[in-house]
ModelCIF file with pLDDT and N, C-alpha, C, O atoms, coordinates in Angstrom:
data_MODEL
#
_entry.id   MODEL 
#
_entity.id                         1 
_entity.type                       polymer 
_entity.pdbx_number_of_molecules   1 
#
_entity_poly.entity_id                      1 
_entity_poly.type                           'polypeptide(L)' 
_entity_poly.nstd_linkage                   no 
_entity_poly.nstd_monomer                   no 
_entity_poly.pdbx_seq_one_letter_code       PIGKEASYCFDAARGGLTCNHCGDGSPDAIPVSLGTIRTLLMGRQM 
_entity_poly.pdbx_seq_one_letter_code_can   PIGKEASYCFDAARGGLTCNHCGDGSPDAIPVSLGTIRTLLMGRQM 
_entity_poly.pdbx_strand_id                 A 
#
loop_
_entity_poly_seq.entity_id 
_entity_poly_seq.num 
_entity_poly_seq.mon_id 
_entity_poly_seq.hetero 
1 1  PRO n 
1 2  ILE n 
1 3  GLY n 
1 4  LYS n 
1 5  GLU n 
1 6  ALA n 
1 7  SER n 
1 8  TYR n 
1 9  CYS n 
1 10 PHE n 
1 11 ASP n 
1 12 ALA n 
1 13 ALA n 
1 14 ARG n 
1 15 GLY n 
1 16 GLY n 
1 17 LEU n 
1 18 THR n 
1 19 CYS n 
1 20 ASN n 
1 21 HIS n 
1 22 CYS n 
1 23 GLY n 
1 24 ASP n 
1 25 GLY n 
1 26 SER n 
1 27 PRO n 
1 28 ASP n 
1 29 ALA n 
1 30 ILE n 
1 31 PRO n 
1 32 VAL n 
1 33 SER n 
1 34 LEU n 
1 35 GLY n 
1 36 THR n 
1 37 ILE n 
1 38 ARG n 
1 39 THR n 
1 40 LEU n 
1 41 LEU n 
1 42 MET n 
1 43 GLY n 
1 44 ARG n 
1 45 GLN n 
1 46 MET n 
#
_struct_asym.id          A 
_struct_asym.entity_id   1 
#
loop_
_ma_qa_metric.id 
_ma_qa_metric.mode 
_ma_qa_metric.name 
_ma_qa_metric.software_group_id 
_ma_qa_metric.type 
1 global pLDDT . pLDDT 
2 local  pLDDT . pLDDT 
#
_ma_qa_metric_global.metric_id      1 
_ma_qa_metric_global.metric_value   89.70 
_ma_qa_metric_global.model_id       1 
_ma_qa_metric_global.ordinal_id     1 
#
loop_
_ma_qa_metric_local.label_asym_id 
_ma_qa_metric_local.label_comp_id 
_ma_qa_metric_local.label_seq_id 
_ma_qa_metric_local.metric_id 
_ma_qa_metric_local.metric_value 
_ma_qa_metric_local.model_id 
_ma_qa_metric_local.ordinal_id 
A PRO 1  2 94.00 1 1  
A ILE 2  2 92.00 1 2  
A GLY 3  2 88.00 1 3  
A LYS 4  2 80.00 1 4  
A GLU 5  2 83.00 1 5  
A ALA 6  2 85.00 1 6  
A SER 7  2 87.00 1 7  
A TYR 8  2 93.00 1 8  
A CYS 9  2 94.00 1 9  
A PHE 10 2 95.00 1 10 
A ASP 11 2 92.00 1 11 
A ALA 12 2 93.00 1 12 
A ALA 13 2 90.00 1 13 
A ARG 14 2 90.00 1 14 
A GLY 15 2 93.00 1 15 
A GLY 16 2 95.00 1 16 
A LEU 17 2 95.00 1 17 
A THR 18 2 93.00 1 18 
A CYS 19 2 91.00 1 19 
A ASN 20 2 86.00 1 20 
A HIS 21 2 86.00 1 21 
A CYS 22 2 87.00 1 22 
A GLY 23 2 75.00 1 23 
A ASP 24 2 71.00 1 24 
A GLY 25 2 70.00 1 25 
A SER 26 2 76.00 1 26 
A PRO 27 2 77.00 1 27 
A ASP 28 2 81.00 1 28 
A ALA 29 2 89.00 1 29 
A ILE 30 2 92.00 1 30 
A PRO 31 2 93.00 1 31 
A VAL 32 2 95.00 1 32 
A SER 33 2 95.00 1 33 
A LEU 34 2 95.00 1 34 
A GLY 35 2 94.00 1 35 
A THR 36 2 96.00 1 36 
A ILE 37 2 96.00 1 37 
A ARG 38 2 95.00 1 38 
A THR 39 2 95.00 1 39 
A LEU 40 2 96.00 1 40 
A LEU 41 2 96.00 1 41 
A MET 42 2 94.00 1 42 
A GLY 43 2 94.00 1 43 
A ARG 44 2 94.00 1 44 
A GLN 45 2 92.00 1 45 
A MET 46 2 93.00 1 46 
#
loop_
_atom_site.group_PDB 
_atom_site.id 
_atom_site.type_symbol 
_atom_site.label_atom_id 
_atom_site.label_alt_id 
_atom_site.label_comp_id 
_atom_site.label_asym_id 
_atom_site.label_entity_id 
_atom_site.label_seq_id 
_atom_site.pdbx_PDB_ins_code 
_atom_site.Cartn_x 
_atom_site.Cartn_y 
_atom_site.Cartn_z 
_atom_site.occupancy 
_atom_site.B_iso_or_equiv 
_atom_site.pdbx_formal_charge 
_atom_site.auth_seq_id 
_atom_site.auth_comp_id 
_atom_site.auth_asym_id 
_atom_site.auth_atom_id 
_atom_site.pdbx_PDB_model_num 
ATOM 1   N N  . PRO A 1 1  ? 27.632 -7.795  -148.855 1.00 94.00 ? 1  PRO A N  1 
ATOM 2   C CA . PRO A 1 1  ? 27.957 -6.682  -148.511 1.00 94.00 ? 1  PRO A CA 1 
ATOM 3   C C  . PRO A 1 1  ? 29.150 -6.522  -147.302 1.00 94.00 ? 1  PRO A C  1 
ATOM 4   O O  . PRO A 1 1  ? 29.323 -7.529  -146.616 1.00 94.00 ? 1  PRO A O  1 
ATOM 5   N N  . ILE A 1 2  ? 29.876 -5.480  -147.034 1.00 92.00 ? 2  ILE A N  1 
ATOM 6   C CA . ILE A 1 2  ? 30.582 -5.670  -145.817 1.00 92.00 ? 2  ILE A CA 1 
ATOM 7   C C  . ILE A 1 2  ? 30.093 -5.206  -144.715 1.00 92.00 ? 2  ILE A C  1 
ATOM 8   O O  . ILE A 1 2  ? 29.293 -4.278  -144.825 1.00 92.00 ? 2  ILE A O  1 
ATOM 9   N N  . GLY A 1 3  ? 30.361 -5.611  -143.628 1.00 88.00 ? 3  GLY A N  1 
ATOM 10  C CA . GLY A 1 3  ? 29.840 -5.119  -142.280 1.00 88.00 ? 3  GLY A CA 1 
ATOM 11  C C  . GLY A 1 3  ? 29.717 -6.450  -141.306 1.00 88.00 ? 3  GLY A C  1 
ATOM 12  O O  . GLY A 1 3  ? 29.660 -6.402  -140.078 1.00 88.00 ? 3  GLY A O  1 
ATOM 13  N N  . LYS A 1 4  ? 29.697 -7.312  -141.886 1.00 80.00 ? 4  LYS A N  1 
ATOM 14  C CA . LYS A 1 4  ? 29.399 -8.787  -141.048 1.00 80.00 ? 4  LYS A CA 1 
ATOM 15  C C  . LYS A 1 4  ? 30.834 -9.201  -140.103 1.00 80.00 ? 4  LYS A C  1 
ATOM 16  O O  . LYS A 1 4  ? 30.728 -9.789  -139.026 1.00 80.00 ? 4  LYS A O  1 
ATOM 17  N N  . GLU A 1 5  ? 31.967 -8.856  -140.604 1.00 83.00 ? 5  GLU A N  1 
ATOM 18  C CA . GLU A 1 5  ? 33.161 -9.142  -140.279 1.00 83.00 ? 5  GLU A CA 1 
ATOM 19  C C  . GLU A 1 5  ? 33.970 -7.695  -139.715 1.00 83.00 ? 5  GLU A C  1 
ATOM 20  O O  . GLU A 1 5  ? 33.734 -6.532  -140.043 1.00 83.00 ? 5  GLU A O  1 
ATOM 21  N N  . ALA A 1 6  ? 34.863 -8.150  -138.880 1.00 85.00 ? 6  ALA A N  1 
ATOM 22  C CA . ALA A 1 6  ? 35.868 -6.973  -138.177 1.00 85.00 ? 6  ALA A CA 1 
ATOM 23  C C  . ALA A 1 6  ? 36.782 -6.462  -139.251 1.00 85.00 ? 6  ALA A C  1 
ATOM 24  O O  . ALA A 1 6  ? 37.096 -5.276  -139.351 1.00 85.00 ? 6  ALA A O  1 
ATOM 25  N N  . SER A 1 7  ? 37.230 -7.509  -140.125 1.00 87.00 ? 7  SER A N  1 
ATOM 26  C CA . SER A 1 7  ? 38.500 -7.234  -140.875 1.00 87.00 ? 7  SER A CA 1 
ATOM 27  C C  . SER A 1 7  ? 38.167 -8.041  -142.454 1.00 87.00 ? 7  SER A C  1 
ATOM 28  O O  . SER A 1 7  ? 37.504 -9.060  -142.650 1.00 87.00 ? 7  SER A O  1 
ATOM 29  N N  . TYR A 1 8  ? 38.751 -7.336  -143.254 1.00 93.00 ? 8  TYR A N  1 
ATOM 30  C CA . TYR A 1 8  ? 38.819 -8.246  -144.576 1.00 93.00 ? 8  TYR A CA 1 
ATOM 31  C C  . TYR A 1 8  ? 40.341 -8.003  -145.316 1.00 93.00 ? 8  TYR A C  1 
ATOM 32  O O  . TYR A 1 8  ? 41.174 -7.264  -144.790 1.00 93.00 ? 8  TYR A O  1 
ATOM 33  N N  . CYS A 1 9  ? 40.545 -8.563  -146.326 1.00 94.00 ? 9  CYS A N  1 
ATOM 34  C CA . CYS A 1 9  ? 41.930 -8.383  -147.293 1.00 94.00 ? 9  CYS A CA 1 
ATOM 35  C C  . CYS A 1 9  ? 41.574 -7.821  -148.506 1.00 94.00 ? 9  CYS A C  1 
ATOM 36  O O  . CYS A 1 9  ? 40.545 -8.065  -149.136 1.00 94.00 ? 9  CYS A O  1 
ATOM 37  N N  . PHE A 1 10 ? 42.619 -6.926  -148.862 1.00 95.00 ? 10 PHE A N  1 
ATOM 38  C CA . PHE A 1 10 ? 42.286 -6.292  -150.036 1.00 95.00 ? 10 PHE A CA 1 
ATOM 39  C C  . PHE A 1 10 ? 43.191 -6.796  -151.040 1.00 95.00 ? 10 PHE A C  1 
ATOM 40  O O  . PHE A 1 10 ? 44.399 -6.720  -150.813 1.00 95.00 ? 10 PHE A O  1 
ATOM 41  N N  . ASP A 1 11 ? 42.769 -7.307  -152.137 1.00 92.00 ? 11 ASP A N  1 
ATOM 42  C CA . ASP A 1 11 ? 43.553 -7.971  -153.218 1.00 92.00 ? 11 ASP A CA 1 
ATOM 43  C C  . ASP A 1 11 ? 43.653 -6.784  -154.483 1.00 92.00 ? 11 ASP A C  1 
ATOM 44  O O  . ASP A 1 11 ? 42.688 -6.393  -155.140 1.00 92.00 ? 11 ASP A O  1 
ATOM 45  N N  . ALA A 1 12 ? 44.822 -6.407  -154.610 1.00 93.00 ? 12 ALA A N  1 
ATOM 46  C CA . ALA A 1 12 ? 45.108 -5.502  -155.857 1.00 93.00 ? 12 ALA A CA 1 
ATOM 47  C C  . ALA A 1 12 ? 44.781 -5.942  -157.056 1.00 93.00 ? 12 ALA A C  1 
ATOM 48  O O  . ALA A 1 12 ? 44.097 -5.303  -157.856 1.00 93.00 ? 12 ALA A O  1 
ATOM 49  N N  . ALA A 1 13 ? 45.314 -7.201  -157.270 1.00 90.00 ? 13 ALA A N  1 
ATOM 50  C CA . ALA A 1 13 ? 45.181 -7.878  -158.583 1.00 90.00 ? 13 ALA A CA 1 
ATOM 51  C C  . ALA A 1 13 ? 43.646 -8.085  -158.987 1.00 90.00 ? 13 ALA A C  1 
ATOM 52  O O  . ALA A 1 13 ? 43.214 -8.125  -160.139 1.00 90.00 ? 13 ALA A O  1 
ATOM 53  N N  . ARG A 1 14 ? 42.928 -8.205  -157.831 1.00 90.00 ? 14 ARG A N  1 
ATOM 54  C CA . ARG A 1 14 ? 41.483 -8.387  -158.103 1.00 90.00 ? 14 ARG A CA 1 
ATOM 55  C C  . ARG A 1 14 ? 40.652 -6.918  -158.042 1.00 90.00 ? 14 ARG A C  1 
ATOM 56  O O  . ARG A 1 14 ? 39.530 -6.695  -158.497 1.00 90.00 ? 14 ARG A O  1 
ATOM 57  N N  . GLY A 1 15 ? 41.300 -6.249  -157.536 1.00 93.00 ? 15 GLY A N  1 
ATOM 58  C CA . GLY A 1 15 ? 40.854 -4.783  -157.593 1.00 93.00 ? 15 GLY A CA 1 
ATOM 59  C C  . GLY A 1 15 ? 39.687 -4.412  -156.443 1.00 93.00 ? 15 GLY A C  1 
ATOM 60  O O  . GLY A 1 15 ? 38.970 -3.412  -156.485 1.00 93.00 ? 15 GLY A O  1 
ATOM 61  N N  . GLY A 1 16 ? 39.662 -5.545  -155.310 1.00 95.00 ? 16 GLY A N  1 
ATOM 62  C CA . GLY A 1 16 ? 38.881 -5.346  -154.438 1.00 95.00 ? 16 GLY A CA 1 
ATOM 63  C C  . GLY A 1 16 ? 38.940 -6.033  -153.047 1.00 95.00 ? 16 GLY A C  1 
ATOM 64  O O  . GLY A 1 16 ? 40.064 -6.380  -152.684 1.00 95.00 ? 16 GLY A O  1 
ATOM 65  N N  . LEU A 1 17 ? 37.952 -6.270  -152.257 1.00 95.00 ? 17 LEU A N  1 
ATOM 66  C CA . LEU A 1 17 ? 38.092 -6.764  -150.860 1.00 95.00 ? 17 LEU A CA 1 
ATOM 67  C C  . LEU A 1 17 ? 37.804 -8.356  -151.039 1.00 95.00 ? 17 LEU A C  1 
ATOM 68  O O  . LEU A 1 17 ? 37.233 -8.701  -152.073 1.00 95.00 ? 17 LEU A O  1 
ATOM 69  N N  . THR A 1 18 ? 38.115 -9.193  -150.227 1.00 93.00 ? 18 THR A N  1 
ATOM 70  C CA . THR A 1 18 ? 37.735 -10.605 -149.616 1.00 93.00 ? 18 THR A CA 1 
ATOM 71  C C  . THR A 1 18 ? 37.302 -10.753 -148.633 1.00 93.00 ? 18 THR A C  1 
ATOM 72  O O  . THR A 1 18 ? 37.918 -9.967  -147.912 1.00 93.00 ? 18 THR A O  1 
ATOM 73  N N  . CYS A 1 19 ? 36.524 -11.324 -147.991 1.00 91.00 ? 19 CYS A N  1 
ATOM 74  C CA . CYS A 1 19 ? 36.118 -11.475 -146.619 1.00 91.00 ? 19 CYS A CA 1 
ATOM 75  C C  . CYS A 1 19 ? 36.890 -12.756 -146.064 1.00 91.00 ? 19 CYS A C  1 
ATOM 76  O O  . CYS A 1 19 ? 37.364 -13.502 -146.921 1.00 91.00 ? 19 CYS A O  1 
ATOM 77  N N  . ASN A 1 20 ? 37.037 -13.032 -144.959 1.00 86.00 ? 20 ASN A N  1 
ATOM 78  C CA . ASN A 1 20 ? 38.001 -14.202 -144.220 1.00 86.00 ? 20 ASN A CA 1 
ATOM 79  C C  . ASN A 1 20 ? 37.473 -15.568 -144.785 1.00 86.00 ? 20 ASN A C  1 
ATOM 80  O O  . ASN A 1 20 ? 38.174 -16.580 -144.777 1.00 86.00 ? 20 ASN A O  1 
ATOM 81  N N  . HIS A 1 21 ? 36.366 -15.538 -145.211 1.00 86.00 ? 21 HIS A N  1 
ATOM 82  C CA . HIS A 1 21 ? 36.044 -16.881 -145.467 1.00 86.00 ? 21 HIS A CA 1 
ATOM 83  C C  . HIS A 1 21 ? 36.521 -17.097 -146.977 1.00 86.00 ? 21 HIS A C  1 
ATOM 84  O O  . HIS A 1 21 ? 37.033 -18.154 -147.346 1.00 86.00 ? 21 HIS A O  1 
ATOM 85  N N  . CYS A 1 22 ? 36.321 -16.063 -147.771 1.00 87.00 ? 22 CYS A N  1 
ATOM 86  C CA . CYS A 1 22 ? 36.667 -16.319 -149.387 1.00 87.00 ? 22 CYS A CA 1 
ATOM 87  C C  . CYS A 1 22 ? 38.167 -15.948 -149.556 1.00 87.00 ? 22 CYS A C  1 
ATOM 88  O O  . CYS A 1 22 ? 38.762 -16.311 -150.571 1.00 87.00 ? 22 CYS A O  1 
ATOM 89  N N  . GLY A 1 23 ? 38.717 -15.321 -148.703 1.00 75.00 ? 23 GLY A N  1 
ATOM 90  C CA . GLY A 1 23 ? 40.282 -15.140 -149.027 1.00 75.00 ? 23 GLY A CA 1 
ATOM 91  C C  . GLY A 1 23 ? 41.215 -16.274 -149.216 1.00 75.00 ? 23 GLY A C  1 
ATOM 92  O O  . GLY A 1 23 ? 41.153 -17.248 -148.466 1.00 75.00 ? 23 GLY A O  1 
ATOM 93  N N  . ASP A 1 24 ? 42.118 -16.194 -150.226 1.00 71.00 ? 24 ASP A N  1 
ATOM 94  C CA . ASP A 1 24 ? 42.877 -17.328 -150.452 1.00 71.00 ? 24 ASP A CA 1 
ATOM 95  C C  . ASP A 1 24 ? 44.339 -17.462 -149.992 1.00 71.00 ? 24 ASP A C  1 
ATOM 96  O O  . ASP A 1 24 ? 45.178 -18.212 -150.492 1.00 71.00 ? 24 ASP A O  1 
ATOM 97  N N  . GLY A 1 25 ? 44.526 -16.553 -148.881 1.00 70.00 ? 25 GLY A N  1 
ATOM 98  C CA . GLY A 1 25 ? 45.840 -16.358 -148.393 1.00 70.00 ? 25 GLY A CA 1 
ATOM 99  C C  . GLY A 1 25 ? 46.789 -15.844 -149.211 1.00 70.00 ? 25 GLY A C  1 
ATOM 100 O O  . GLY A 1 25 ? 47.952 -16.132 -148.930 1.00 70.00 ? 25 GLY A O  1 
ATOM 101 N N  . SER A 1 26 ? 46.564 -15.073 -150.264 1.00 76.00 ? 26 SER A N  1 
ATOM 102 C CA . SER A 1 26 ? 47.411 -14.572 -150.897 1.00 76.00 ? 26 SER A CA 1 
ATOM 103 C C  . SER A 1 26 ? 48.529 -13.638 -150.133 1.00 76.00 ? 26 SER A C  1 
ATOM 104 O O  . SER A 1 26 ? 48.110 -12.676 -149.489 1.00 76.00 ? 26 SER A O  1 
ATOM 105 N N  . PRO A 1 27 ? 49.845 -13.880 -150.187 1.00 77.00 ? 27 PRO A N  1 
ATOM 106 C CA . PRO A 1 27 ? 50.847 -13.103 -149.433 1.00 77.00 ? 27 PRO A CA 1 
ATOM 107 C C  . PRO A 1 27 ? 50.670 -11.491 -149.897 1.00 77.00 ? 27 PRO A C  1 
ATOM 108 O O  . PRO A 1 27 ? 51.052 -10.551 -149.200 1.00 77.00 ? 27 PRO A O  1 
ATOM 109 N N  . ASP A 1 28 ? 50.211 -11.397 -150.817 1.00 81.00 ? 28 ASP A N  1 
ATOM 110 C CA . ASP A 1 28 ? 50.180 -9.789  -151.340 1.00 81.00 ? 28 ASP A CA 1 
ATOM 111 C C  . ASP A 1 28 ? 48.756 -9.211  -151.034 1.00 81.00 ? 28 ASP A C  1 
ATOM 112 O O  . ASP A 1 28 ? 48.475 -8.070  -151.401 1.00 81.00 ? 28 ASP A O  1 
ATOM 113 N N  . ALA A 1 29 ? 47.876 -9.979  -150.377 1.00 89.00 ? 29 ALA A N  1 
ATOM 114 C CA . ALA A 1 29 ? 46.738 -9.302  -149.803 1.00 89.00 ? 29 ALA A CA 1 
ATOM 115 C C  . ALA A 1 29 ? 46.978 -8.241  -148.523 1.00 89.00 ? 29 ALA A C  1 
ATOM 116 O O  . ALA A 1 29 ? 47.707 -8.520  -147.572 1.00 89.00 ? 29 ALA A O  1 
ATOM 117 N N  . ILE A 1 30 ? 46.480 -7.384  -148.615 1.00 92.00 ? 30 ILE A N  1 
ATOM 118 C CA . ILE A 1 30 ? 46.743 -6.197  -147.429 1.00 92.00 ? 30 ILE A CA 1 
ATOM 119 C C  . ILE A 1 30 ? 45.514 -6.468  -146.472 1.00 92.00 ? 30 ILE A C  1 
ATOM 120 O O  . ILE A 1 30 ? 44.375 -6.240  -146.877 1.00 92.00 ? 30 ILE A O  1 
ATOM 121 N N  . PRO A 1 31 ? 45.727 -6.910  -145.320 1.00 93.00 ? 31 PRO A N  1 
ATOM 122 C CA . PRO A 1 31 ? 44.563 -6.720  -144.110 1.00 93.00 ? 31 PRO A CA 1 
ATOM 123 C C  . PRO A 1 31 ? 44.170 -5.156  -144.007 1.00 93.00 ? 31 PRO A C  1 
ATOM 124 O O  . PRO A 1 31 ? 44.883 -4.155  -144.071 1.00 93.00 ? 31 PRO A O  1 
ATOM 125 N N  . VAL A 1 32 ? 42.748 -5.310  -143.821 1.00 95.00 ? 32 VAL A N  1 
ATOM 126 C CA . VAL A 1 32 ? 42.275 -4.106  -143.769 1.00 95.00 ? 32 VAL A CA 1 
ATOM 127 C C  . VAL A 1 32 ? 41.185 -4.059  -142.687 1.00 95.00 ? 32 VAL A C  1 
ATOM 128 O O  . VAL A 1 32 ? 40.463 -5.056  -142.713 1.00 95.00 ? 32 VAL A O  1 
ATOM 129 N N  . SER A 1 33 ? 40.916 -3.257  -141.848 1.00 95.00 ? 33 SER A N  1 
ATOM 130 C CA . SER A 1 33 ? 39.662 -3.090  -140.701 1.00 95.00 ? 33 SER A CA 1 
ATOM 131 C C  . SER A 1 33 ? 38.463 -2.734  -141.467 1.00 95.00 ? 33 SER A C  1 
ATOM 132 O O  . SER A 1 33 ? 38.534 -2.136  -142.541 1.00 95.00 ? 33 SER A O  1 
ATOM 133 N N  . LEU A 1 34 ? 37.396 -3.087  -140.937 1.00 95.00 ? 34 LEU A N  1 
ATOM 134 C CA . LEU A 1 34 ? 36.172 -2.570  -141.220 1.00 95.00 ? 34 LEU A CA 1 
ATOM 135 C C  . LEU A 1 34 ? 35.784 -1.116  -141.147 1.00 95.00 ? 34 LEU A C  1 
ATOM 136 O O  . LEU A 1 34 ? 35.057 -0.518  -141.940 1.00 95.00 ? 34 LEU A O  1 
ATOM 137 N N  . GLY A 1 35 ? 36.401 -0.625  -140.039 1.00 94.00 ? 35 GLY A N  1 
ATOM 138 C CA . GLY A 1 35 ? 36.618 0.959   -139.713 1.00 94.00 ? 35 GLY A CA 1 
ATOM 139 C C  . GLY A 1 35 ? 37.078 1.728   -140.939 1.00 94.00 ? 35 GLY A C  1 
ATOM 140 O O  . GLY A 1 35 ? 36.429 2.549   -141.587 1.00 94.00 ? 35 GLY A O  1 
ATOM 141 N N  . THR A 1 36 ? 38.401 1.279   -141.147 1.00 96.00 ? 36 THR A N  1 
ATOM 142 C CA . THR A 1 36 ? 39.014 1.852   -142.325 1.00 96.00 ? 36 THR A CA 1 
ATOM 143 C C  . THR A 1 36 ? 38.393 1.901   -143.687 1.00 96.00 ? 36 THR A C  1 
ATOM 144 O O  . THR A 1 36 ? 38.464 2.883   -144.425 1.00 96.00 ? 36 THR A O  1 
ATOM 145 N N  . ILE A 1 37 ? 37.676 0.592   -144.022 1.00 96.00 ? 37 ILE A N  1 
ATOM 146 C CA . ILE A 1 37 ? 36.866 0.517   -145.016 1.00 96.00 ? 37 ILE A CA 1 
ATOM 147 C C  . ILE A 1 37 ? 35.536 1.567   -145.069 1.00 96.00 ? 37 ILE A C  1 
ATOM 148 O O  . ILE A 1 37 ? 35.140 2.159   -146.072 1.00 96.00 ? 37 ILE A O  1 
ATOM 149 N N  . ARG A 1 38 ? 35.038 1.621   -143.898 1.00 95.00 ? 38 ARG A N  1 
ATOM 150 C CA . ARG A 1 38 ? 33.853 2.599   -144.020 1.00 95.00 ? 38 ARG A CA 1 
ATOM 151 C C  . ARG A 1 38 ? 34.555 4.007   -144.174 1.00 95.00 ? 38 ARG A C  1 
ATOM 152 O O  . ARG A 1 38 ? 34.075 4.821   -144.963 1.00 95.00 ? 38 ARG A O  1 
ATOM 153 N N  . THR A 1 39 ? 35.473 4.254   -143.574 1.00 95.00 ? 39 THR A N  1 
ATOM 154 C CA . THR A 1 39 ? 36.168 5.851   -143.720 1.00 95.00 ? 39 THR A CA 1 
ATOM 155 C C  . THR A 1 39 ? 36.604 6.007   -145.016 1.00 95.00 ? 39 THR A C  1 
ATOM 156 O O  . THR A 1 39 ? 36.565 7.175   -145.404 1.00 95.00 ? 39 THR A O  1 
ATOM 157 N N  . LEU A 1 40 ? 37.044 5.118   -145.883 1.00 96.00 ? 40 LEU A N  1 
ATOM 158 C CA . LEU A 1 40 ? 37.625 5.252   -147.244 1.00 96.00 ? 40 LEU A CA 1 
ATOM 159 C C  . LEU A 1 40 ? 36.077 5.333   -147.932 1.00 96.00 ? 40 LEU A C  1 
ATOM 160 O O  . LEU A 1 40 ? 35.932 6.197   -148.798 1.00 96.00 ? 40 LEU A O  1 
ATOM 161 N N  . LEU A 1 41 ? 35.153 4.658   -147.664 1.00 96.00 ? 41 LEU A N  1 
ATOM 162 C CA . LEU A 1 41 ? 33.905 4.875   -148.304 1.00 96.00 ? 41 LEU A CA 1 
ATOM 163 C C  . LEU A 1 41 ? 33.190 6.154   -148.355 1.00 96.00 ? 41 LEU A C  1 
ATOM 164 O O  . LEU A 1 41 ? 32.685 6.728   -149.320 1.00 96.00 ? 41 LEU A O  1 
ATOM 165 N N  . MET A 1 42 ? 33.258 6.515   -146.995 1.00 94.00 ? 42 MET A N  1 
ATOM 166 C CA . MET A 1 42 ? 32.833 7.904   -146.688 1.00 94.00 ? 42 MET A CA 1 
ATOM 167 C C  . MET A 1 42 ? 33.763 9.062   -147.536 1.00 94.00 ? 42 MET A C  1 
ATOM 168 O O  . MET A 1 42 ? 33.191 9.941   -148.181 1.00 94.00 ? 42 MET A O  1 
ATOM 169 N N  . GLY A 1 43 ? 34.913 8.994   -147.487 1.00 94.00 ? 43 GLY A N  1 
ATOM 170 C CA . GLY A 1 43 ? 35.568 9.797   -148.123 1.00 94.00 ? 43 GLY A CA 1 
ATOM 171 C C  . GLY A 1 43 ? 35.308 9.747   -149.515 1.00 94.00 ? 43 GLY A C  1 
ATOM 172 O O  . GLY A 1 43 ? 35.273 10.832  -150.097 1.00 94.00 ? 43 GLY A O  1 
ATOM 173 N N  . ARG A 1 44 ? 35.105 8.633   -150.220 1.00 94.00 ? 44 ARG A N  1 
ATOM 174 C CA . ARG A 1 44 ? 34.777 8.691   -151.532 1.00 94.00 ? 44 ARG A CA 1 
ATOM 175 C C  . ARG A 1 44 ? 33.384 9.354   -151.964 1.00 94.00 ? 44 ARG A C  1 
ATOM 176 O O  . ARG A 1 44 ? 33.195 9.762   -153.110 1.00 94.00 ? 44 ARG A O  1 
ATOM 177 N N  . GLN A 1 45 ? 32.466 9.423   -150.989 1.00 92.00 ? 45 GLN A N  1 
ATOM 178 C CA . GLN A 1 45 ? 31.050 9.639   -151.042 1.00 92.00 ? 45 GLN A CA 1 
ATOM 179 C C  . GLN A 1 45 ? 30.850 11.003  -150.715 1.00 92.00 ? 45 GLN A C  1 
ATOM 180 O O  . GLN A 1 45 ? 30.194 11.707  -151.483 1.00 92.00 ? 45 GLN A O  1 
ATOM 181 N N  . MET A 1 46 ? 31.417 11.544  -149.491 1.00 93.00 ? 46 MET A N  1 
ATOM 182 C CA . MET A 1 46 ? 30.997 12.737  -148.997 1.00 93.00 ? 46 MET A CA 1 
ATOM 183 C C  . MET A 1 46 ? 31.468 14.002  -149.896 1.00 93.00 ? 46 MET A C  1 
ATOM 184 O O  . MET A 1 46 ? 31.156 15.145  -149.564 1.00 93.00 ? 46 MET A O  1 
#
């Protein structure tokens, strides 16, 4: 689950996040902070 790291990467082809340990360094991956992820989750659920 998210929360252990300050930032993640979003891979559109895979449809989700990868942590810094699992990311493959794809140039298409979008870096995103934990704060932004939590805000989007809040916007999806509120």
